[in-house]
């Protein structure tokens, strides 16, 4: 299912076509991957020249698809959300909600303690006015929208009951995140032990289904 959002639309409209051919998918993936890795290593100081060198492309190749470093970082964030939402995008509509939410929760917590995610957050917080609004739109808001759309479809199927899918999505994400986000920001991603995820995941999913599961 396609999800169009203001950030994706803005990114598509903002791309300035260059004199060369559009970047192929392999080069595009190399650019996004290199940007993630360099942000992890260098933080907000990373330059497009460094990205181009690491990806094995010219700077013009980057400008053929992104007009600025800020726009490239927006797309990196969006690609992370797309990966995170894989359990929702690939689940059959009649698949178990419990299993689907458990898969999403696992992906979400793994992302939260990922060093690359921590690096992106450092970039955003170091230049909040520059990156804050676009990060929120491309990351947290888009994540909540994906989840709310899934919950809305499940409510239409009669599997869940809720008046406000957006609020329900916020509740689920909030239970998962808890103090994890604060620990990661204050102590780094290594402050969280992945082995402790399962209890948090199981409890969060069970609590959510008790609150929003269909009452027979």
N, C-alpha and C. Protein backbone atom coordinates (compact mmCIF):
# COMPACT_ATOMS: atom_id res chain seq x y z
N UNK A 1 0.84 -1.20 0.00
CA UNK A 1 0.00 0.00 0.00
C UNK A 1 0.88 1.25 0.00
N UNK A 2 0.58 2.21 -0.86
CA UNK A 2 1.39 3.41 -0.95
C UNK A 2 0.94 4.44 0.06
N UNK A 3 1.89 5.04 0.74
CA UNK A 3 1.58 6.09 1.70
C UNK A 3 2.27 7.37 1.24
N UNK A 4 1.52 8.32 0.73
CA UNK A 4 2.09 9.60 0.38
C UNK A 4 1.99 10.52 1.58
N UNK A 5 3.02 11.30 1.83
CA UNK A 5 3.01 12.23 2.93
C UNK A 5 3.71 13.50 2.50
N UNK A 6 3.53 14.59 3.24
CA UNK A 6 4.10 15.87 2.84
C UNK A 6 5.60 15.83 2.67
N UNK A 7 6.29 15.05 3.52
CA UNK A 7 7.74 15.00 3.44
C UNK A 7 8.18 14.36 2.14
N UNK A 8 7.57 13.20 1.80
CA UNK A 8 7.93 12.52 0.56
C UNK A 8 7.62 13.39 -0.64
N UNK A 9 6.45 14.04 -0.61
CA UNK A 9 6.06 14.90 -1.72
C UNK A 9 7.03 16.06 -1.86
N UNK A 10 7.41 16.66 -0.74
CA UNK A 10 8.33 17.78 -0.78
C UNK A 10 9.68 17.35 -1.31
N UNK A 11 10.13 16.16 -0.90
CA UNK A 11 11.42 15.68 -1.36
C UNK A 11 11.41 15.44 -2.86
N UNK A 12 10.29 14.86 -3.36
CA UNK A 12 10.22 14.59 -4.79
C UNK A 12 10.20 15.89 -5.58
N UNK A 13 9.42 16.88 -5.12
CA UNK A 13 9.33 18.14 -5.83
C UNK A 13 10.63 18.93 -5.75
N UNK A 14 11.33 18.75 -4.62
CA UNK A 14 12.53 19.55 -4.40
C UNK A 14 13.74 19.06 -5.15
N UNK A 15 13.71 17.86 -5.69
CA UNK A 15 14.87 17.35 -6.40
C UNK A 15 15.09 18.13 -7.67
N UNK A 16 16.31 18.55 -7.88
CA UNK A 16 16.64 19.34 -9.03
C UNK A 16 17.33 18.47 -10.06
N UNK A 17 16.74 18.26 -11.24
CA UNK A 17 17.37 17.41 -12.21
C UNK A 17 18.69 17.98 -12.68
N UNK A 18 19.73 17.16 -12.74
CA UNK A 18 21.04 17.60 -13.17
C UNK A 18 21.22 17.32 -14.64
N UNK A 19 22.38 17.67 -15.17
CA UNK A 19 22.62 17.49 -16.59
C UNK A 19 22.83 16.04 -16.98
N UNK A 20 23.16 15.20 -16.04
CA UNK A 20 23.41 13.80 -16.35
C UNK A 20 22.18 12.95 -16.21
N UNK A 21 22.38 11.63 -16.32
CA UNK A 21 21.26 10.72 -16.17
C UNK A 21 20.85 10.62 -14.71
N UNK A 22 19.58 10.30 -14.42
CA UNK A 22 19.15 10.08 -13.03
C UNK A 22 19.99 8.98 -12.41
N UNK A 23 20.28 9.12 -11.12
CA UNK A 23 21.11 8.13 -10.46
C UNK A 23 20.42 6.77 -10.45
N UNK A 24 21.18 5.68 -10.71
CA UNK A 24 20.56 4.36 -10.72
C UNK A 24 20.36 3.90 -9.28
N UNK A 25 19.59 2.82 -9.13
CA UNK A 25 19.21 2.37 -7.79
C UNK A 25 20.41 1.97 -6.96
N UNK A 26 21.40 1.34 -7.58
CA UNK A 26 22.58 0.91 -6.84
C UNK A 26 23.34 2.11 -6.29
N UNK A 27 23.50 3.14 -7.12
CA UNK A 27 24.20 4.34 -6.65
C UNK A 27 23.39 5.05 -5.57
N UNK A 28 22.09 5.08 -5.77
CA UNK A 28 21.22 5.72 -4.80
C UNK A 28 21.34 5.05 -3.43
N UNK A 29 21.32 3.72 -3.43
CA UNK A 29 21.45 2.99 -2.17
C UNK A 29 22.82 3.23 -1.55
N UNK A 30 23.86 3.29 -2.39
CA UNK A 30 25.21 3.55 -1.89
C UNK A 30 25.29 4.93 -1.24
N UNK A 31 24.63 5.91 -1.82
CA UNK A 31 24.63 7.26 -1.26
C UNK A 31 23.92 7.28 0.09
N UNK A 32 22.75 6.65 0.16
CA UNK A 32 22.00 6.63 1.42
C UNK A 32 22.77 5.88 2.51
N UNK A 33 23.35 4.74 2.14
CA UNK A 33 24.11 3.95 3.12
C UNK A 33 25.32 4.73 3.60
N UNK A 34 26.05 5.36 2.69
CA UNK A 34 27.23 6.14 3.07
C UNK A 34 26.86 7.31 3.96
N UNK A 35 25.72 7.94 3.68
CA UNK A 35 25.28 9.06 4.51
C UNK A 35 25.00 8.59 5.93
N UNK A 36 24.32 7.46 6.06
CA UNK A 36 24.05 6.91 7.41
C UNK A 36 25.36 6.66 8.16
N UNK A 37 26.30 6.00 7.48
CA UNK A 37 27.55 5.63 8.14
C UNK A 37 28.36 6.86 8.53
N UNK A 38 28.41 7.84 7.65
CA UNK A 38 29.19 9.05 7.94
C UNK A 38 28.53 9.89 9.03
N UNK A 39 27.22 9.92 9.07
CA UNK A 39 26.54 10.62 10.16
C UNK A 39 26.89 9.98 11.50
N UNK A 40 26.99 8.65 11.48
CA UNK A 40 27.35 7.93 12.70
C UNK A 40 28.77 8.27 13.14
N UNK A 41 29.66 8.44 12.17
CA UNK A 41 31.06 8.72 12.48
C UNK A 41 31.33 10.19 12.76
N UNK A 42 30.70 11.07 11.96
CA UNK A 42 31.08 12.48 11.97
C UNK A 42 30.01 13.41 12.50
N UNK A 43 28.79 12.91 12.61
CA UNK A 43 27.72 13.77 13.08
C UNK A 43 27.39 14.84 12.05
N UNK A 44 26.90 16.00 12.50
CA UNK A 44 26.43 17.03 11.57
C UNK A 44 27.54 17.65 10.72
N UNK A 45 28.80 17.37 11.04
CA UNK A 45 29.91 17.96 10.28
C UNK A 45 30.12 17.28 8.93
N UNK A 46 29.46 16.17 8.69
CA UNK A 46 29.65 15.46 7.43
C UNK A 46 29.29 16.36 6.25
N UNK A 47 30.06 16.23 5.15
CA UNK A 47 29.82 17.05 3.97
C UNK A 47 29.39 16.17 2.80
N UNK A 48 28.81 16.80 1.79
CA UNK A 48 28.40 16.06 0.60
C UNK A 48 29.62 15.53 -0.16
N UNK A 49 30.75 16.23 -0.06
CA UNK A 49 31.97 15.72 -0.68
C UNK A 49 32.38 14.39 -0.06
N UNK A 50 32.27 14.30 1.26
CA UNK A 50 32.61 13.06 1.95
C UNK A 50 31.65 11.94 1.58
N UNK A 51 30.37 12.29 1.47
CA UNK A 51 29.37 11.29 1.08
C UNK A 51 29.67 10.77 -0.33
N UNK A 52 29.96 11.70 -1.24
CA UNK A 52 30.25 11.31 -2.62
C UNK A 52 31.46 10.39 -2.70
N UNK A 53 32.50 10.73 -1.96
CA UNK A 53 33.71 9.90 -1.98
C UNK A 53 33.44 8.52 -1.41
N UNK A 54 32.72 8.46 -0.28
CA UNK A 54 32.43 7.17 0.35
C UNK A 54 31.53 6.31 -0.54
N UNK A 55 30.61 6.94 -1.26
CA UNK A 55 29.67 6.19 -2.11
C UNK A 55 30.26 5.86 -3.47
N UNK A 56 31.41 6.47 -3.80
CA UNK A 56 32.02 6.22 -5.10
C UNK A 56 31.29 6.91 -6.24
N UNK A 57 30.73 8.08 -5.96
CA UNK A 57 30.01 8.84 -7.00
C UNK A 57 30.53 10.28 -6.99
N UNK A 58 30.11 11.04 -7.97
CA UNK A 58 30.47 12.45 -8.00
C UNK A 58 29.48 13.26 -7.16
N UNK A 59 29.91 14.45 -6.77
CA UNK A 59 28.99 15.31 -6.04
C UNK A 59 27.79 15.68 -6.91
N UNK A 60 28.02 15.83 -8.21
CA UNK A 60 26.92 16.16 -9.11
C UNK A 60 25.87 15.06 -9.12
N UNK A 61 26.32 13.80 -8.98
CA UNK A 61 25.37 12.69 -8.94
C UNK A 61 24.42 12.86 -7.76
N UNK A 62 24.95 13.32 -6.63
CA UNK A 62 24.09 13.58 -5.47
C UNK A 62 23.12 14.70 -5.78
N UNK A 63 23.63 15.79 -6.38
CA UNK A 63 22.77 16.93 -6.68
C UNK A 63 21.74 16.62 -7.76
N UNK A 64 21.96 15.58 -8.53
CA UNK A 64 20.95 15.18 -9.51
C UNK A 64 19.66 14.72 -8.84
N UNK A 65 19.75 14.32 -7.56
CA UNK A 65 18.59 13.79 -6.85
C UNK A 65 18.24 14.55 -5.59
N UNK A 66 19.21 15.22 -4.99
CA UNK A 66 18.94 15.97 -3.75
C UNK A 66 19.58 17.35 -3.89
N UNK A 67 18.87 18.38 -3.50
CA UNK A 67 19.39 19.73 -3.68
C UNK A 67 20.28 20.19 -2.54
N UNK A 68 20.30 19.46 -1.43
CA UNK A 68 21.07 19.89 -0.27
C UNK A 68 21.34 18.71 0.65
N UNK A 69 22.25 18.92 1.59
CA UNK A 69 22.52 17.90 2.60
C UNK A 69 21.29 17.67 3.45
N UNK A 70 20.56 18.74 3.74
CA UNK A 70 19.37 18.60 4.58
C UNK A 70 18.33 17.69 3.90
N UNK A 71 18.16 17.86 2.61
CA UNK A 71 17.20 17.03 1.90
C UNK A 71 17.66 15.58 1.85
N UNK A 72 18.96 15.36 1.69
CA UNK A 72 19.49 14.00 1.70
C UNK A 72 19.26 13.34 3.06
N UNK A 73 19.49 14.08 4.12
CA UNK A 73 19.26 13.53 5.46
C UNK A 73 17.78 13.23 5.67
N UNK A 74 16.89 14.09 5.15
CA UNK A 74 15.45 13.80 5.19
C UNK A 74 15.16 12.43 4.58
N UNK A 75 15.78 12.15 3.44
CA UNK A 75 15.51 10.88 2.77
C UNK A 75 16.11 9.70 3.54
N UNK A 76 17.26 9.92 4.16
CA UNK A 76 17.82 8.86 5.01
C UNK A 76 16.85 8.51 6.12
N UNK A 77 16.28 9.53 6.75
CA UNK A 77 15.30 9.30 7.81
C UNK A 77 14.09 8.55 7.25
N UNK A 78 13.60 9.00 6.09
CA UNK A 78 12.46 8.33 5.48
C UNK A 78 12.73 6.88 5.14
N UNK A 79 13.95 6.59 4.68
CA UNK A 79 14.29 5.20 4.35
C UNK A 79 14.33 4.34 5.61
N UNK A 80 14.77 4.93 6.72
CA UNK A 80 14.76 4.19 8.00
C UNK A 80 13.33 3.86 8.41
N UNK A 81 12.42 4.81 8.23
CA UNK A 81 11.01 4.57 8.57
C UNK A 81 10.43 3.48 7.67
N UNK A 82 10.76 3.51 6.38
CA UNK A 82 10.27 2.48 5.46
C UNK A 82 10.72 1.09 5.91
N UNK A 83 11.97 0.98 6.33
CA UNK A 83 12.48 -0.30 6.83
C UNK A 83 11.75 -0.71 8.10
N UNK A 84 11.55 0.27 8.98
CA UNK A 84 10.87 -0.01 10.25
C UNK A 84 9.45 -0.51 10.02
N UNK A 85 8.78 0.03 9.01
CA UNK A 85 7.38 -0.30 8.76
C UNK A 85 7.20 -1.57 7.93
N UNK A 86 8.28 -2.27 7.63
CA UNK A 86 8.18 -3.50 6.83
C UNK A 86 7.15 -4.48 7.38
N UNK A 87 7.10 -4.72 8.71
CA UNK A 87 6.08 -5.66 9.22
C UNK A 87 4.65 -5.25 8.88
N UNK A 88 4.38 -3.95 8.83
CA UNK A 88 3.03 -3.48 8.50
C UNK A 88 2.78 -3.54 7.00
N UNK A 89 3.81 -3.22 6.22
CA UNK A 89 3.63 -3.17 4.77
C UNK A 89 3.53 -4.56 4.15
N UNK A 90 4.14 -5.55 4.80
CA UNK A 90 4.17 -6.89 4.21
C UNK A 90 3.15 -7.84 4.82
N UNK A 91 2.53 -7.46 5.94
CA UNK A 91 1.58 -8.37 6.59
C UNK A 91 0.29 -8.47 5.78
N UNK A 92 -0.22 -9.67 5.65
CA UNK A 92 -1.53 -9.85 5.02
C UNK A 92 -2.58 -9.19 5.90
N UNK A 93 -3.63 -8.69 5.27
CA UNK A 93 -4.66 -7.97 6.02
C UNK A 93 -5.32 -8.86 7.08
N UNK A 94 -5.37 -10.17 6.84
CA UNK A 94 -5.99 -11.05 7.82
C UNK A 94 -4.97 -11.72 8.73
N UNK A 95 -3.74 -11.24 8.72
CA UNK A 95 -2.71 -11.81 9.59
C UNK A 95 -3.01 -11.44 11.04
N UNK A 96 -2.47 -12.21 11.96
CA UNK A 96 -2.67 -11.97 13.38
C UNK A 96 -2.16 -10.57 13.76
N UNK A 97 -3.02 -9.77 14.39
CA UNK A 97 -2.61 -8.44 14.83
C UNK A 97 -1.53 -8.55 15.89
N UNK A 98 -1.66 -9.54 16.77
CA UNK A 98 -0.65 -9.73 17.81
C UNK A 98 0.71 -9.99 17.20
N UNK A 99 0.77 -10.87 16.20
CA UNK A 99 2.05 -11.20 15.57
C UNK A 99 2.61 -10.00 14.81
N UNK A 100 1.74 -9.26 14.13
CA UNK A 100 2.19 -8.11 13.36
C UNK A 100 2.73 -7.02 14.28
N UNK A 101 2.03 -6.73 15.36
CA UNK A 101 2.48 -5.71 16.29
C UNK A 101 3.76 -6.13 17.00
N UNK A 102 3.89 -7.43 17.27
CA UNK A 102 5.11 -7.93 17.90
C UNK A 102 6.31 -7.74 16.96
N UNK A 103 6.11 -8.03 15.68
CA UNK A 103 7.19 -7.83 14.70
C UNK A 103 7.55 -6.35 14.59
N UNK A 104 6.54 -5.49 14.58
CA UNK A 104 6.80 -4.05 14.52
C UNK A 104 7.53 -3.58 15.77
N UNK A 105 7.09 -4.04 16.93
CA UNK A 105 7.71 -3.63 18.18
C UNK A 105 9.17 -4.05 18.23
N UNK A 106 9.47 -5.24 17.75
CA UNK A 106 10.85 -5.73 17.73
C UNK A 106 11.71 -4.84 16.84
N UNK A 107 11.19 -4.51 15.64
CA UNK A 107 11.93 -3.63 14.73
C UNK A 107 12.12 -2.25 15.33
N UNK A 108 11.09 -1.76 16.02
CA UNK A 108 11.15 -0.41 16.59
C UNK A 108 12.22 -0.32 17.68
N UNK A 109 12.23 -1.29 18.58
CA UNK A 109 13.21 -1.24 19.67
C UNK A 109 14.63 -1.46 19.15
N UNK A 110 14.78 -2.32 18.16
CA UNK A 110 16.10 -2.51 17.56
C UNK A 110 16.59 -1.22 16.92
N UNK A 111 15.68 -0.50 16.27
CA UNK A 111 16.05 0.78 15.67
C UNK A 111 16.44 1.79 16.74
N UNK A 112 15.72 1.78 17.85
CA UNK A 112 15.94 2.77 18.89
C UNK A 112 17.35 2.67 19.48
N UNK A 113 17.89 1.46 19.57
CA UNK A 113 19.22 1.30 20.16
C UNK A 113 20.31 1.21 19.10
N UNK A 114 19.93 1.42 17.83
CA UNK A 114 20.92 1.36 16.76
C UNK A 114 21.82 2.59 16.79
N UNK A 115 23.10 2.39 16.59
CA UNK A 115 24.05 3.50 16.65
C UNK A 115 23.77 4.54 15.57
N UNK A 116 23.32 4.10 14.40
CA UNK A 116 23.02 5.04 13.33
C UNK A 116 21.83 5.94 13.69
N UNK A 117 20.83 5.37 14.36
CA UNK A 117 19.69 6.17 14.82
C UNK A 117 20.15 7.21 15.82
N UNK A 118 21.00 6.78 16.74
CA UNK A 118 21.53 7.70 17.74
C UNK A 118 22.29 8.84 17.07
N UNK A 119 23.04 8.53 16.02
CA UNK A 119 23.80 9.55 15.30
C UNK A 119 22.85 10.56 14.65
N UNK A 120 21.77 10.06 14.06
CA UNK A 120 20.79 10.97 13.45
C UNK A 120 20.17 11.90 14.49
N UNK A 121 19.85 11.34 15.65
CA UNK A 121 19.27 12.15 16.72
C UNK A 121 20.25 13.22 17.18
N UNK A 122 21.53 12.88 17.22
CA UNK A 122 22.55 13.87 17.60
C UNK A 122 22.59 15.00 16.58
N UNK A 123 22.50 14.65 15.31
CA UNK A 123 22.48 15.67 14.25
C UNK A 123 21.29 16.60 14.45
N UNK A 124 20.13 16.02 14.69
CA UNK A 124 18.91 16.81 14.84
C UNK A 124 19.00 17.74 16.05
N UNK A 125 19.44 17.20 17.17
CA UNK A 125 19.49 18.00 18.39
C UNK A 125 20.57 19.06 18.34
N UNK A 126 21.63 18.81 17.57
CA UNK A 126 22.69 19.81 17.47
C UNK A 126 22.29 21.00 16.62
N UNK A 127 21.32 20.80 15.73
CA UNK A 127 20.82 21.87 14.87
C UNK A 127 19.30 21.78 14.81
N UNK A 128 18.68 21.95 15.96
CA UNK A 128 17.25 21.69 16.10
C UNK A 128 16.41 22.53 15.15
N UNK A 129 16.72 23.82 15.02
CA UNK A 129 15.92 24.67 14.16
C UNK A 129 16.07 24.28 12.69
N UNK A 130 17.25 23.80 12.33
CA UNK A 130 17.50 23.42 10.94
C UNK A 130 16.88 22.09 10.59
N UNK A 131 17.02 21.10 11.49
CA UNK A 131 16.60 19.73 11.18
C UNK A 131 15.35 19.27 11.92
N UNK A 132 15.01 19.93 13.03
CA UNK A 132 13.94 19.43 13.89
C UNK A 132 12.61 19.20 13.20
N UNK A 133 12.03 20.21 12.53
CA UNK A 133 10.72 20.01 11.90
C UNK A 133 10.71 18.91 10.84
N UNK A 134 11.74 18.88 10.00
CA UNK A 134 11.76 17.86 8.94
C UNK A 134 12.00 16.47 9.53
N UNK A 135 12.81 16.39 10.59
CA UNK A 135 13.03 15.09 11.22
C UNK A 135 11.74 14.57 11.83
N UNK A 136 11.01 15.44 12.49
CA UNK A 136 9.75 15.00 13.10
C UNK A 136 8.77 14.53 12.03
N UNK A 137 8.69 15.28 10.92
CA UNK A 137 7.76 14.92 9.86
C UNK A 137 8.16 13.62 9.17
N UNK A 138 9.45 13.46 8.89
CA UNK A 138 9.91 12.27 8.17
C UNK A 138 10.03 11.05 9.07
N UNK A 139 10.21 11.28 10.38
CA UNK A 139 10.41 10.16 11.29
C UNK A 139 9.21 9.86 12.16
N UNK A 140 9.11 10.47 13.36
CA UNK A 140 8.02 10.14 14.29
C UNK A 140 6.62 10.29 13.71
N UNK A 141 6.37 11.40 13.01
CA UNK A 141 5.01 11.60 12.49
C UNK A 141 4.66 10.57 11.42
N UNK A 142 5.62 10.27 10.56
CA UNK A 142 5.36 9.30 9.50
C UNK A 142 5.18 7.91 10.07
N UNK A 143 5.98 7.57 11.09
CA UNK A 143 5.84 6.28 11.75
C UNK A 143 4.45 6.13 12.34
N UNK A 144 4.00 7.16 13.05
CA UNK A 144 2.68 7.11 13.68
C UNK A 144 1.58 7.01 12.62
N UNK A 145 1.77 7.68 11.48
CA UNK A 145 0.77 7.64 10.42
C UNK A 145 0.66 6.24 9.83
N UNK A 146 1.79 5.59 9.58
CA UNK A 146 1.77 4.22 9.08
C UNK A 146 1.00 3.32 10.03
N UNK A 147 1.34 3.41 11.33
CA UNK A 147 0.71 2.55 12.31
C UNK A 147 -0.78 2.87 12.44
N UNK A 148 -1.14 4.15 12.46
CA UNK A 148 -2.55 4.53 12.57
C UNK A 148 -3.35 3.99 11.38
N UNK A 149 -2.77 4.03 10.18
CA UNK A 149 -3.46 3.50 9.01
C UNK A 149 -3.70 2.00 9.15
N UNK A 150 -2.71 1.29 9.67
CA UNK A 150 -2.86 -0.15 9.89
C UNK A 150 -3.96 -0.42 10.92
N UNK A 151 -3.93 0.31 12.02
CA UNK A 151 -4.92 0.11 13.08
C UNK A 151 -6.33 0.45 12.57
N UNK A 152 -6.42 1.47 11.75
CA UNK A 152 -7.72 1.85 11.18
C UNK A 152 -8.28 0.72 10.32
N UNK A 153 -7.44 0.08 9.55
CA UNK A 153 -7.89 -1.04 8.70
C UNK A 153 -8.31 -2.22 9.55
N UNK A 154 -7.59 -2.47 10.64
CA UNK A 154 -7.95 -3.59 11.51
C UNK A 154 -9.26 -3.30 12.25
N UNK A 155 -9.49 -2.04 12.58
CA UNK A 155 -10.77 -1.67 13.21
C UNK A 155 -11.91 -1.87 12.22
N UNK A 156 -11.66 -1.54 10.96
CA UNK A 156 -12.69 -1.73 9.93
C UNK A 156 -13.01 -3.20 9.74
N UNK A 157 -12.01 -4.06 9.97
CA UNK A 157 -12.23 -5.50 9.88
C UNK A 157 -12.97 -6.04 11.10
N UNK A 158 -13.09 -5.24 12.15
CA UNK A 158 -13.75 -5.68 13.36
C UNK A 158 -12.84 -6.39 14.33
N UNK A 159 -11.52 -6.34 14.07
CA UNK A 159 -10.56 -7.01 14.96
C UNK A 159 -10.23 -6.13 16.15
N UNK A 160 -10.18 -4.81 15.92
CA UNK A 160 -9.88 -3.86 16.99
C UNK A 160 -11.04 -2.88 17.13
N UNK A 161 -11.11 -2.22 18.28
CA UNK A 161 -12.12 -1.20 18.53
C UNK A 161 -11.43 0.06 19.04
N UNK A 162 -11.63 1.18 18.34
CA UNK A 162 -11.02 2.44 18.79
C UNK A 162 -11.74 3.59 18.12
N UNK A 163 -11.79 4.71 18.82
CA UNK A 163 -12.39 5.92 18.25
C UNK A 163 -11.35 6.75 17.50
N UNK A 164 -10.10 6.66 17.94
CA UNK A 164 -9.06 7.51 17.37
C UNK A 164 -7.81 6.68 17.09
N UNK A 165 -7.64 6.15 15.86
CA UNK A 165 -6.47 5.34 15.54
C UNK A 165 -5.15 6.09 15.73
N UNK A 166 -5.14 7.39 15.49
CA UNK A 166 -3.91 8.16 15.67
C UNK A 166 -3.48 8.16 17.13
N UNK A 167 -4.44 8.33 18.03
CA UNK A 167 -4.13 8.31 19.45
C UNK A 167 -3.71 6.91 19.88
N UNK A 168 -4.38 5.89 19.35
CA UNK A 168 -4.02 4.51 19.68
C UNK A 168 -2.59 4.21 19.22
N UNK A 169 -2.22 4.70 18.04
CA UNK A 169 -0.85 4.50 17.56
C UNK A 169 0.15 5.18 18.49
N UNK A 170 -0.20 6.37 18.94
CA UNK A 170 0.67 7.09 19.87
C UNK A 170 0.82 6.32 21.18
N UNK A 171 -0.27 5.72 21.66
CA UNK A 171 -0.22 4.92 22.89
C UNK A 171 0.74 3.74 22.73
N UNK A 172 0.64 3.04 21.60
CA UNK A 172 1.48 1.86 21.39
C UNK A 172 2.96 2.25 21.33
N UNK A 173 3.27 3.26 20.55
CA UNK A 173 4.66 3.69 20.44
C UNK A 173 5.19 4.20 21.77
N UNK A 174 4.33 4.91 22.50
CA UNK A 174 4.74 5.43 23.81
C UNK A 174 5.08 4.32 24.79
N UNK A 175 4.28 3.25 24.79
CA UNK A 175 4.59 2.12 25.68
C UNK A 175 5.92 1.48 25.32
N UNK A 176 6.19 1.37 24.04
CA UNK A 176 7.44 0.75 23.61
C UNK A 176 8.64 1.62 24.00
N UNK A 177 8.50 2.89 23.74
CA UNK A 177 9.63 3.80 23.92
C UNK A 177 9.96 4.00 25.39
N UNK A 178 8.93 4.25 26.19
CA UNK A 178 9.12 4.42 27.63
C UNK A 178 10.34 5.26 27.97
N UNK A 179 11.19 4.75 28.86
CA UNK A 179 12.43 5.43 29.25
C UNK A 179 13.59 5.10 28.31
N UNK A 180 13.34 4.18 27.37
CA UNK A 180 14.43 3.78 26.47
C UNK A 180 15.01 5.00 25.74
N UNK A 181 14.13 5.85 25.22
CA UNK A 181 14.60 6.99 24.44
C UNK A 181 15.51 7.88 25.29
N UNK A 182 15.09 8.17 26.51
CA UNK A 182 15.88 9.03 27.39
C UNK A 182 17.23 8.38 27.71
N UNK A 183 17.23 7.08 27.97
CA UNK A 183 18.48 6.38 28.26
C UNK A 183 19.44 6.45 27.09
N UNK A 184 18.90 6.25 25.89
CA UNK A 184 19.74 6.29 24.69
C UNK A 184 20.32 7.68 24.50
N UNK A 185 19.51 8.72 24.70
CA UNK A 185 20.00 10.07 24.48
C UNK A 185 21.03 10.49 25.53
N UNK A 186 20.86 10.03 26.75
CA UNK A 186 21.77 10.44 27.83
C UNK A 186 23.01 9.56 27.93
N UNK A 187 22.87 8.28 27.62
CA UNK A 187 23.97 7.34 27.82
C UNK A 187 24.45 6.65 26.56
N UNK A 188 23.74 6.85 25.46
CA UNK A 188 24.13 6.18 24.22
C UNK A 188 23.39 4.86 24.05
N UNK A 189 23.41 4.31 22.83
CA UNK A 189 22.65 3.09 22.54
C UNK A 189 23.09 1.87 23.32
N UNK A 190 24.33 1.85 23.79
CA UNK A 190 24.81 0.69 24.54
C UNK A 190 24.20 0.60 25.94
N UNK A 191 23.47 1.64 26.36
CA UNK A 191 22.85 1.62 27.68
C UNK A 191 21.66 0.67 27.73
N UNK A 192 21.17 0.24 26.59
CA UNK A 192 20.01 -0.64 26.53
C UNK A 192 20.45 -2.04 26.15
N UNK A 193 20.01 -3.02 26.93
CA UNK A 193 20.33 -4.42 26.64
C UNK A 193 19.24 -5.02 25.77
N UNK A 194 19.58 -5.46 24.55
CA UNK A 194 18.57 -6.06 23.67
C UNK A 194 17.87 -7.26 24.30
N UNK A 195 18.56 -7.95 25.22
CA UNK A 195 17.96 -9.13 25.84
C UNK A 195 16.71 -8.79 26.64
N UNK A 196 16.60 -7.54 27.05
CA UNK A 196 15.43 -7.14 27.84
C UNK A 196 14.25 -6.71 26.99
N UNK A 197 14.43 -6.74 25.67
CA UNK A 197 13.37 -6.27 24.79
C UNK A 197 12.10 -7.11 24.88
N UNK A 198 12.25 -8.42 24.94
CA UNK A 198 11.10 -9.29 24.77
C UNK A 198 10.02 -9.04 25.82
N UNK A 199 10.42 -8.85 27.06
CA UNK A 199 9.42 -8.60 28.09
C UNK A 199 8.67 -7.30 27.81
N UNK A 200 9.38 -6.27 27.40
CA UNK A 200 8.75 -4.99 27.08
C UNK A 200 7.81 -5.15 25.89
N UNK A 201 8.26 -5.88 24.89
CA UNK A 201 7.44 -6.09 23.69
C UNK A 201 6.17 -6.86 24.04
N UNK A 202 6.33 -7.98 24.74
CA UNK A 202 5.19 -8.83 25.08
C UNK A 202 4.17 -8.06 25.92
N UNK A 203 4.66 -7.33 26.92
CA UNK A 203 3.78 -6.58 27.80
C UNK A 203 3.07 -5.45 27.05
N UNK A 204 3.80 -4.75 26.19
CA UNK A 204 3.21 -3.64 25.45
C UNK A 204 2.12 -4.13 24.50
N UNK A 205 2.40 -5.20 23.77
CA UNK A 205 1.41 -5.74 22.83
C UNK A 205 0.18 -6.24 23.59
N UNK A 206 0.40 -6.97 24.68
CA UNK A 206 -0.73 -7.50 25.45
C UNK A 206 -1.57 -6.38 26.04
N UNK A 207 -0.92 -5.35 26.57
CA UNK A 207 -1.65 -4.22 27.15
C UNK A 207 -2.45 -3.48 26.07
N UNK A 208 -1.84 -3.30 24.92
CA UNK A 208 -2.52 -2.62 23.82
C UNK A 208 -3.76 -3.40 23.38
N UNK A 209 -3.62 -4.71 23.25
CA UNK A 209 -4.75 -5.53 22.80
C UNK A 209 -5.85 -5.59 23.86
N UNK A 210 -5.50 -5.53 25.14
CA UNK A 210 -6.53 -5.46 26.18
C UNK A 210 -7.31 -4.15 26.07
N UNK A 211 -6.59 -3.08 25.72
CA UNK A 211 -7.25 -1.77 25.65
C UNK A 211 -8.06 -1.61 24.37
N UNK A 212 -7.56 -2.17 23.26
CA UNK A 212 -8.19 -1.91 21.96
C UNK A 212 -8.71 -3.14 21.24
N UNK A 213 -8.57 -4.31 21.85
CA UNK A 213 -9.10 -5.49 21.22
C UNK A 213 -10.63 -5.46 21.22
N UNK A 214 -11.22 -6.10 20.24
CA UNK A 214 -12.67 -6.09 20.15
C UNK A 214 -13.31 -6.80 21.34
N UNK A 215 -14.28 -6.15 21.94
CA UNK A 215 -14.97 -6.71 23.09
C UNK A 215 -16.19 -7.49 22.59
N UNK A 216 -16.18 -8.75 22.85
CA UNK A 216 -17.27 -9.62 22.33
C UNK A 216 -18.37 -9.76 23.39
